[in-house]
Amino acid sequence: MAIADEPTDEDDRRLGKRVAVGVGYLLAVGAIVPASLAPGVAVSWPTAFVISAVNIVNLAVLARTRRFDRYVIVLLIGVTILPAFVDLALGGMAASSGGFLFALMGPLFAIVAVGPRRATRWLVLYLLVLLTVIVLDPIVSSVIPLQPYSLRLVFWASNLSVPLVIVFFLLRYSELRRREAQALADDLLTNAIPKSIAARLKRGERRIAEVYANTTVLFADLVGFTPWASWTDPDRVVSFLDGVFSRFDALAAGAGVEKIKTIGDSYMAVAGAPMARSDHAQAAMVLARGMLVALAEARREASVDLEARIGLASGSVVGGVIGQRRILFDLWGDTVNLASRMESTGLPGRIQVAPSTWALLGDDYVFEERSGLDVKGLGPMTAYLLVETE
């Protein structure tokens, strides 16, 4: 069954190949059946042996060359023509009790084996062969006597069950695979952009841009990461960063904060967009504090001496989707720039907030004022460092 397998084949491709090989084995043996049922027809046995031999040779060539496309062409011809031979060998359509239904497996299997576009030609072949059988039916039915009732009853039972069962399981398998693929695509999309934005894209929206009036933007950066990474084994660098950011992702999801992106060792998130919430500043602070704890745990586990600077700023932002191939939901505006400056001018292991965030959180937390802080692009301003009291 695995004679056509290639190491690079995906699961669907490998399954399709093995099904095709199995059909080839069945045809090599199944061609003998109609000849044994209609021994009085002169052409029965020669035709049966030719069909059987062609499938055996086709399988042998496939095993030697691994040229699956050529194998499938010969196989589909056999799948389409063999039922016609059975139909005529048994005395026509009435005597065979609709045995030509099996030929429908040809175009249906072609959808899986060669793709939906190329399968159309096999449907045309099926219809042409069916037309030929209809034209020849009066001739063969007048020469070959009607089969016994008991045999025709068996034919009806098999012809009305086997093809339909095969079609059912083909459709069932295709639908299950389609749903799995759709679920995977949805997961990948919602990992790249927020679920609400992904839903709008799937509905057909192409230009998504919104103003979110009340948000808190968070930036975090690992202090000293670049020099540490330059002399550390790459596997260890990637493993550590993946572990840290995975913890951050879990904390963001738990706090109801939307991760926007990571750039190198920097992490950006927002509370209040794209889903509005009145406690956006509190949610962002919960995430920020959790990030420091998570980094401390990761640092102990990996024996890495790295601290994080975290900056918060609150206000309005513009959010939208950019790109066509690798789409990204991103934020722009003064609030974003200010949050970035709060991070870059902060202190290792501390959370620094802008006045806009301090005004929303001042009654809930203790802060240390930093007056006259020179913020690039914004000039001197006051910022606030969180003081942990627990």
Protein backbone atom coordinates (compact mmCIF):
# COMPACT_ATOMS: atom_id res chain seq x y z
CA MET A 1 0.00 0.00 0.00
CA ALA A 2 2.95 2.35 0.54
CA ILE A 3 4.71 1.76 -2.79
CA ALA A 4 3.95 5.33 -3.97
CA ASP A 5 4.83 7.09 -0.70
CA GLU A 6 7.42 9.86 -0.69
CA PRO A 7 9.13 11.21 2.46
CA THR A 8 7.84 14.72 1.68
CA ASP A 9 4.18 13.68 1.28
CA GLU A 10 1.66 15.33 3.59
CA ASP A 11 -0.90 13.15 5.35
CA ASP A 12 -3.68 13.80 2.81
CA ARG A 13 -1.39 13.11 -0.12
CA ARG A 14 -0.11 9.90 1.44
CA LEU A 15 -3.64 8.71 2.20
CA GLY A 16 -4.78 9.48 -1.35
CA LYS A 17 -1.89 7.48 -2.77
CA ARG A 18 -2.58 4.48 -0.59
CA VAL A 19 -6.26 4.50 -1.48
CA ALA A 20 -5.28 4.58 -5.17
CA VAL A 21 -2.92 1.64 -4.71
CA GLY A 22 -5.64 -0.31 -2.89
CA VAL A 23 -8.07 0.35 -5.73
CA GLY A 24 -5.46 -0.97 -8.15
CA TYR A 25 -5.21 -4.24 -6.21
CA LEU A 26 -9.00 -4.56 -6.14
CA LEU A 27 -9.27 -4.01 -9.89
CA ALA A 28 -6.58 -6.58 -10.60
CA VAL A 29 -8.65 -9.21 -8.78
CA GLY A 30 -12.15 -7.81 -9.38
CA ALA A 31 -11.85 -7.99 -13.16
CA ILE A 32 -12.14 -11.79 -12.92
CA VAL A 33 -15.54 -11.65 -11.14
CA PRO A 34 -17.77 -10.74 -14.11
CA ALA A 35 -16.09 -13.37 -16.27
CA SER A 36 -16.90 -16.06 -13.72
CA LEU A 37 -20.50 -14.85 -13.52
CA ALA A 38 -20.99 -14.85 -17.31
CA PRO A 39 -18.85 -17.76 -18.57
CA GLY A 40 -20.99 -18.17 -21.69
CA VAL A 41 -19.88 -14.82 -23.17
CA ALA A 42 -16.95 -15.38 -25.51
CA VAL A 43 -15.12 -12.14 -24.67
CA SER A 44 -15.54 -12.39 -20.88
CA TRP A 45 -12.34 -14.16 -19.92
CA PRO A 46 -9.97 -12.45 -22.41
CA THR A 47 -11.27 -9.01 -21.43
CA ALA A 48 -11.04 -9.88 -17.72
CA PHE A 49 -7.44 -11.02 -18.05
CA VAL A 50 -6.48 -7.90 -20.04
CA ILE A 51 -7.96 -5.58 -17.38
CA SER A 52 -6.31 -7.57 -14.59
CA ALA A 53 -2.94 -7.62 -16.37
CA VAL A 54 -3.05 -3.87 -17.08
CA ASN A 55 -3.59 -3.13 -13.37
CA ILE A 56 -0.82 -5.50 -12.27
CA VAL A 57 1.61 -3.91 -14.74
CA ASN A 58 0.45 -0.44 -13.66
CA LEU A 59 1.19 -1.28 -10.00
CA ALA A 60 4.59 -2.71 -10.91
CA VAL A 61 5.54 0.39 -12.89
CA LEU A 62 4.40 2.61 -10.01
CA ALA A 63 6.55 0.67 -7.55
CA ARG A 64 9.56 1.08 -9.83
CA THR A 65 9.15 4.69 -11.00
CA ARG A 66 7.02 6.31 -8.27
CA ARG A 67 5.25 8.26 -11.03
CA PHE A 68 1.91 8.51 -9.30
CA ASP A 69 0.20 10.83 -11.81
CA ARG A 70 0.69 8.37 -14.67
CA TYR A 71 -0.52 5.52 -12.46
CA VAL A 72 -3.69 7.42 -11.57
CA ILE A 73 -4.57 8.06 -15.22
CA VAL A 74 -4.44 4.33 -16.05
CA LEU A 75 -6.30 3.52 -12.82
CA LEU A 76 -9.14 5.96 -13.49
CA ILE A 77 -9.61 4.59 -16.98
CA GLY A 78 -9.94 1.11 -15.49
CA VAL A 79 -12.34 2.24 -12.78
CA THR A 80 -14.58 3.81 -15.42
CA ILE A 81 -14.43 1.07 -18.04
CA LEU A 82 -14.57 -2.06 -15.84
CA PRO A 83 -18.19 -1.48 -14.68
CA ALA A 84 -19.19 -1.02 -18.34
CA PHE A 85 -17.59 -4.37 -19.15
CA VAL A 86 -19.43 -5.99 -16.23
CA ASP A 87 -22.68 -4.39 -17.37
CA LEU A 88 -22.35 -5.68 -20.91
CA ALA A 89 -20.98 -9.12 -19.93
CA LEU A 90 -24.02 -9.78 -17.74
CA GLY A 91 -26.49 -8.92 -20.48
CA GLY A 92 -27.06 -5.19 -20.19
CA MET A 93 -28.24 -2.67 -17.66
CA ALA A 94 -31.33 -4.57 -16.58
CA ALA A 95 -29.47 -7.84 -16.10
CA SER A 96 -26.63 -6.24 -14.18
CA SER A 97 -29.09 -4.34 -11.96
CA GLY A 98 -27.45 -0.94 -12.37
CA GLY A 99 -23.89 -2.16 -11.97
CA PHE A 100 -22.64 0.82 -13.93
CA LEU A 101 -23.10 2.90 -10.77
CA PHE A 102 -19.64 1.68 -9.77
CA ALA A 103 -18.16 3.68 -12.67
CA LEU A 104 -19.15 6.88 -10.86
CA MET A 105 -16.26 6.13 -8.49
CA GLY A 106 -13.95 7.23 -11.32
CA PRO A 107 -14.75 10.98 -11.38
CA LEU A 108 -15.37 11.01 -7.63
CA PHE A 109 -12.01 9.46 -6.88
CA ALA A 110 -10.40 11.82 -9.43
CA ILE A 111 -11.40 14.77 -7.21
CA VAL A 112 -9.17 13.34 -4.46
CA ALA A 113 -6.39 11.93 -6.67
CA VAL A 114 -5.86 14.66 -9.28
CA GLY A 115 -7.80 17.63 -7.90
CA PRO A 116 -11.23 19.14 -8.60
CA ARG A 117 -10.22 21.00 -11.78
CA ARG A 118 -8.74 17.97 -13.54
CA ALA A 119 -11.57 15.73 -12.30
CA THR A 120 -14.06 17.30 -14.73
CA ARG A 121 -12.59 15.45 -17.70
CA TRP A 122 -13.13 12.16 -15.90
CA LEU A 123 -16.79 13.03 -15.41
CA VAL A 124 -17.01 13.62 -19.17
CA LEU A 125 -15.41 10.20 -19.78
CA TYR A 126 -17.93 8.60 -17.41
CA LEU A 127 -20.84 10.13 -19.35
CA LEU A 128 -19.39 9.02 -22.69
CA VAL A 129 -18.94 5.45 -21.46
CA LEU A 130 -22.46 5.50 -20.05
CA LEU A 131 -23.78 6.63 -23.44
CA THR A 132 -21.90 3.76 -25.09
CA VAL A 133 -23.42 1.24 -22.68
CA ILE A 134 -26.91 2.59 -23.40
CA VAL A 135 -26.35 2.29 -27.16
CA LEU A 136 -25.04 -1.29 -26.87
CA ASP A 137 -27.62 -2.39 -24.30
CA PRO A 138 -30.30 -3.54 -26.84
CA ILE A 139 -27.71 -5.66 -28.64
CA VAL A 140 -26.25 -7.48 -25.62
CA SER A 141 -29.63 -7.92 -23.94
CA SER A 142 -30.92 -9.74 -27.01
CA VAL A 143 -27.90 -12.08 -27.08
CA ILE A 144 -27.31 -12.79 -23.38
CA PRO A 145 -30.29 -14.15 -21.41
CA LEU A 146 -31.55 -12.41 -18.31
CA GLN A 147 -29.76 -13.48 -15.16
CA PRO A 148 -31.66 -15.51 -12.51
CA TYR A 149 -33.83 -13.52 -10.12
CA SER A 150 -31.74 -14.42 -7.05
CA LEU A 151 -28.55 -13.21 -8.74
CA ARG A 152 -30.19 -9.98 -9.92
CA LEU A 153 -31.43 -9.39 -6.35
CA VAL A 154 -27.86 -9.73 -5.06
CA PHE A 155 -26.71 -7.34 -7.78
CA TRP A 156 -29.33 -4.76 -6.82
CA ALA A 157 -28.37 -5.00 -3.14
CA SER A 158 -24.66 -4.56 -3.84
CA ASN A 159 -25.06 -1.91 -6.52
CA LEU A 160 -27.34 0.23 -4.37
CA SER A 161 -25.23 -0.10 -1.24
CA VAL A 162 -21.53 -0.37 -2.03
CA PRO A 163 -21.15 2.71 -4.30
CA LEU A 164 -23.31 4.85 -2.02
CA VAL A 165 -21.41 3.72 1.08
CA ILE A 166 -18.14 4.61 -0.64
CA VAL A 167 -19.49 8.02 -1.65
CA PHE A 168 -20.74 8.60 1.90
CA PHE A 169 -17.36 7.90 3.48
CA LEU A 170 -15.52 9.94 0.85
CA LEU A 171 -17.77 12.92 1.55
CA ARG A 172 -17.58 12.36 5.30
CA TYR A 173 -13.79 12.20 5.23
CA SER A 174 -13.59 15.30 3.00
CA GLU A 175 -15.91 17.26 5.28
CA LEU A 176 -14.00 16.24 8.41
CA ARG A 177 -10.71 17.23 6.81
CA ARG A 178 -12.24 20.51 5.61
CA ARG A 179 -13.45 21.32 9.12
CA GLU A 180 -10.10 20.43 10.63
CA ALA A 181 -8.32 22.60 8.08
CA GLN A 182 -10.77 25.45 8.70
CA ALA A 183 -10.29 25.17 12.47
CA LEU A 184 -6.51 25.23 12.02
CA ALA A 185 -6.75 28.24 9.71
CA ASP A 186 -8.99 30.02 12.23
CA ASP A 187 -6.54 29.27 15.04
CA LEU A 188 -3.63 30.59 12.99
CA LEU A 189 -5.59 33.71 12.05
CA THR A 190 -6.68 34.47 15.62
CA ASN A 191 -3.12 33.91 16.81
CA ALA A 192 -2.02 36.65 14.41
CA ILE A 193 -4.88 39.12 14.95
CA PRO A 194 -7.70 39.57 17.50
CA LYS A 195 -10.74 37.31 17.14
CA SER A 196 -13.14 40.21 16.53
CA ILE A 197 -10.92 41.51 13.72
CA ALA A 198 -10.54 38.00 12.27
CA ALA A 199 -14.33 37.61 12.21
CA ARG A 200 -14.67 40.86 10.25
CA LEU A 201 -12.05 39.75 7.74
CA LYS A 202 -13.83 36.43 7.21
CA ARG A 203 -17.06 38.34 6.54
CA GLY A 204 -15.30 40.04 3.63
CA GLU A 205 -14.14 43.38 5.06
CA ARG A 206 -10.93 44.51 3.43
CA ARG A 207 -10.17 47.87 5.03
CA ILE A 208 -10.37 47.85 8.82
CA ALA A 209 -9.41 51.01 10.68
CA GLU A 210 -10.90 52.22 13.96
CA VAL A 211 -10.27 54.86 16.60
CA TYR A 212 -10.24 53.41 20.11
CA ALA A 213 -10.71 56.29 22.53
CA ASN A 214 -9.93 54.60 25.83
CA THR A 215 -6.99 52.20 25.89
CA THR A 216 -3.82 51.46 27.80
CA VAL A 217 -0.80 50.39 25.75
CA LEU A 218 1.96 48.26 27.26
CA PHE A 219 5.54 47.84 26.08
CA ALA A 220 8.02 45.46 27.68
CA ASP A 221 11.68 44.90 26.83
CA LEU A 222 14.34 42.55 28.20
CA VAL A 223 17.29 44.63 29.38
CA GLY A 224 20.65 43.24 28.26
CA PHE A 225 19.12 40.65 25.97
CA THR A 226 21.07 41.62 22.82
CA PRO A 227 24.58 41.19 24.30
CA TRP A 228 23.52 38.03 26.15
CA ALA A 229 22.11 36.55 22.94
CA SER A 230 25.29 37.36 21.01
CA TRP A 231 27.43 34.95 23.06
CA THR A 232 24.75 32.39 24.00
CA ASP A 233 23.90 29.23 22.06
CA PRO A 234 21.05 30.05 19.62
CA ASP A 235 18.94 27.10 20.78
CA ARG A 236 19.09 28.34 24.35
CA VAL A 237 18.25 31.90 23.27
CA VAL A 238 15.19 30.82 21.30
CA SER A 239 14.07 28.40 23.99
CA PHE A 240 14.30 31.03 26.72
CA LEU A 241 12.56 33.74 24.69
CA ASP A 242 9.82 31.34 23.62
CA GLY A 243 9.27 30.27 27.21
CA VAL A 244 9.07 33.86 28.47
CA PHE A 245 6.75 35.11 25.75
CA SER A 246 4.53 32.04 26.08
CA ARG A 247 4.07 32.94 29.75
CA PHE A 248 3.35 36.54 28.77
CA ASP A 249 0.75 35.34 26.24
CA ALA A 250 -1.02 33.27 28.88
CA LEU A 251 -1.03 36.22 31.30
CA ALA A 252 -2.41 38.55 28.62
CA ALA A 253 -5.22 36.12 27.80
CA GLY A 254 -6.03 35.78 31.51
CA ALA A 255 -6.12 39.54 32.02
CA GLY A 256 -8.23 40.16 28.91
CA VAL A 257 -5.43 42.15 27.28
CA GLU A 258 -4.73 41.86 23.55
CA LYS A 259 -1.21 40.97 22.48
CA ILE A 260 -0.30 43.07 19.44
CA LYS A 261 3.15 41.83 18.43
CA THR A 262 6.69 40.97 19.44
CA ILE A 263 9.79 42.47 17.86
CA GLY A 264 12.96 40.72 18.95
CA ASP A 265 12.86 40.81 22.74
CA SER A 266 10.15 43.51 22.88
CA TYR A 267 6.52 42.74 23.69
CA MET A 268 3.53 45.00 22.91
CA ALA A 269 -0.03 44.64 24.17
CA VAL A 270 -3.13 46.79 24.61
CA ALA A 271 -6.14 46.82 26.91
CA GLY A 272 -9.34 48.38 25.61
CA ALA A 273 -8.88 47.56 21.94
CA PRO A 274 -10.31 46.15 19.81
CA MET A 275 -12.82 45.24 22.56
CA ALA A 276 -13.62 48.25 24.72
CA ARG A 277 -13.42 48.00 28.51
CA SER A 278 -13.65 50.68 31.19
CA ASP A 279 -10.92 49.13 33.40
CA HIS A 280 -8.27 49.06 30.68
CA ALA A 281 -5.60 50.67 32.87
CA GLN A 282 -6.20 48.19 35.71
CA ALA A 283 -6.08 45.24 33.28
CA ALA A 284 -2.81 46.45 31.74
CA MET A 285 -1.26 46.86 35.20
CA VAL A 286 -2.33 43.35 36.20
CA LEU A 287 -0.55 42.06 33.11
CA ALA A 288 2.56 44.18 33.73
CA ARG A 289 2.96 42.96 37.31
CA GLY A 290 2.37 39.37 36.25
CA MET A 291 5.04 39.71 33.57
CA LEU A 292 7.67 40.67 36.12
CA VAL A 293 6.78 37.65 38.25
CA ALA A 294 6.78 35.33 35.22
CA LEU A 295 10.16 36.63 34.07
CA ALA A 296 11.61 36.11 37.54
CA GLU A 297 10.46 32.48 37.47
CA ALA A 298 11.87 31.91 33.98
CA ARG A 299 15.11 33.58 34.99
CA ARG A 300 15.56 31.24 37.93
CA GLU A 301 14.71 28.16 35.90
CA ALA A 302 17.11 29.03 33.06
CA SER A 303 19.82 30.67 35.20
CA VAL A 304 19.62 33.82 33.09
CA ASP A 305 20.29 37.25 34.59
CA LEU A 306 17.89 39.44 32.61
CA GLU A 307 15.43 42.05 33.83
CA ALA A 308 12.46 43.67 32.08
CA ARG A 309 11.49 47.30 31.66
CA ILE A 310 7.76 47.87 31.27
CA GLY A 311 6.01 51.07 30.23
CA LEU A 312 2.32 51.99 30.20
CA ALA A 313 0.43 54.91 28.68
CA SER A 314 -3.32 55.53 28.33
CA GLY A 315 -5.35 57.37 25.75
CA SER A 316 -6.76 57.03 22.27
CA VAL A 317 -5.13 54.99 19.51
CA VAL A 318 -5.83 54.16 15.88
CA GLY A 319 -5.99 50.43 15.15
CA GLY A 320 -6.17 48.65 11.83
CA VAL A 321 -5.14 45.71 9.69
CA ILE A 322 -2.17 46.10 7.37
CA GLY A 323 -0.70 43.74 4.81
CA GLN A 324 -2.17 41.21 2.40
CA ARG A 325 -0.06 38.07 2.85
CA ARG A 326 1.12 38.26 6.47
CA ILE A 327 -1.60 40.42 7.92
CA LEU A 328 -1.09 42.28 11.16
CA PHE A 329 -3.37 44.20 13.50
CA ASP A 330 -1.34 47.20 14.67
CA LEU A 331 -1.77 50.43 16.63
CA TRP A 332 -0.66 53.98 15.94
CA GLY A 333 -0.82 57.33 17.71
CA ASP A 334 0.70 59.44 20.47
CA THR A 335 -0.38 56.94 23.14
CA VAL A 336 1.64 54.21 21.45
CA ASN A 337 4.69 56.45 21.19
CA LEU A 338 4.37 57.54 24.81
CA ALA A 339 4.06 53.95 26.07
CA SER A 340 7.20 53.06 24.12
CA ARG A 341 9.04 56.01 25.71
CA MET A 342 7.83 54.95 29.18
CA GLU A 343 9.47 51.60 28.59
CA SER A 344 12.74 52.90 27.12
CA THR A 345 13.25 55.50 29.88
CA GLY A 346 12.19 53.15 32.66
CA LEU A 347 14.34 51.16 35.06
CA PRO A 348 15.16 47.42 34.94
CA GLY A 349 12.69 45.35 36.92
CA ARG A 350 10.24 48.28 37.26
CA ILE A 351 6.94 49.41 35.74
CA GLN A 352 6.83 53.04 34.63
CA VAL A 353 3.54 54.73 33.69
CA ALA A 354 2.66 57.97 31.94
CA PRO A 355 0.59 60.64 33.70
CA SER A 356 -2.48 59.50 31.75
CA THR A 357 -2.23 56.03 33.28
CA TRP A 358 -1.25 57.33 36.72
CA ALA A 359 -4.47 59.41 36.76
CA LEU A 360 -6.49 56.22 36.25
CA LEU A 361 -4.55 54.11 38.78
CA GLY A 362 -3.37 56.58 41.41
CA ASP A 363 -5.89 55.52 44.08
CA ASP A 364 -5.18 51.81 43.65
CA TYR A 365 -1.37 51.71 43.67
CA VAL A 366 1.59 53.49 45.20
CA PHE A 367 3.85 55.32 42.74
CA GLU A 368 7.20 57.07 42.90
CA GLU A 369 7.27 60.32 40.95
CA ARG A 370 10.07 61.02 38.45
CA SER A 371 9.99 64.71 37.57
CA GLY A 372 11.75 66.34 34.65
CA LEU A 373 12.25 63.11 32.77
CA ASP A 374 13.64 63.84 29.29
CA VAL A 375 11.44 61.89 26.89
CA LYS A 376 12.63 61.75 23.29
CA GLY A 377 10.28 63.66 21.00
CA LEU A 378 8.14 64.84 23.90
CA GLY A 379 10.55 66.88 26.02
CA PRO A 380 10.65 67.02 29.83
CA MET A 381 7.73 65.37 31.57
CA THR A 382 6.76 63.59 34.77
CA ALA A 383 6.52 59.81 34.89
CA TYR A 384 5.65 57.41 37.71
CA LEU A 385 7.32 54.20 38.85
CA LEU A 386 5.17 51.59 40.52
CA VAL A 387 6.17 50.85 44.10
CA GLU A 388 5.41 47.29 45.09
CA THR A 389 4.01 47.31 48.63
CA GLU A 390 3.42 43.57 49.03
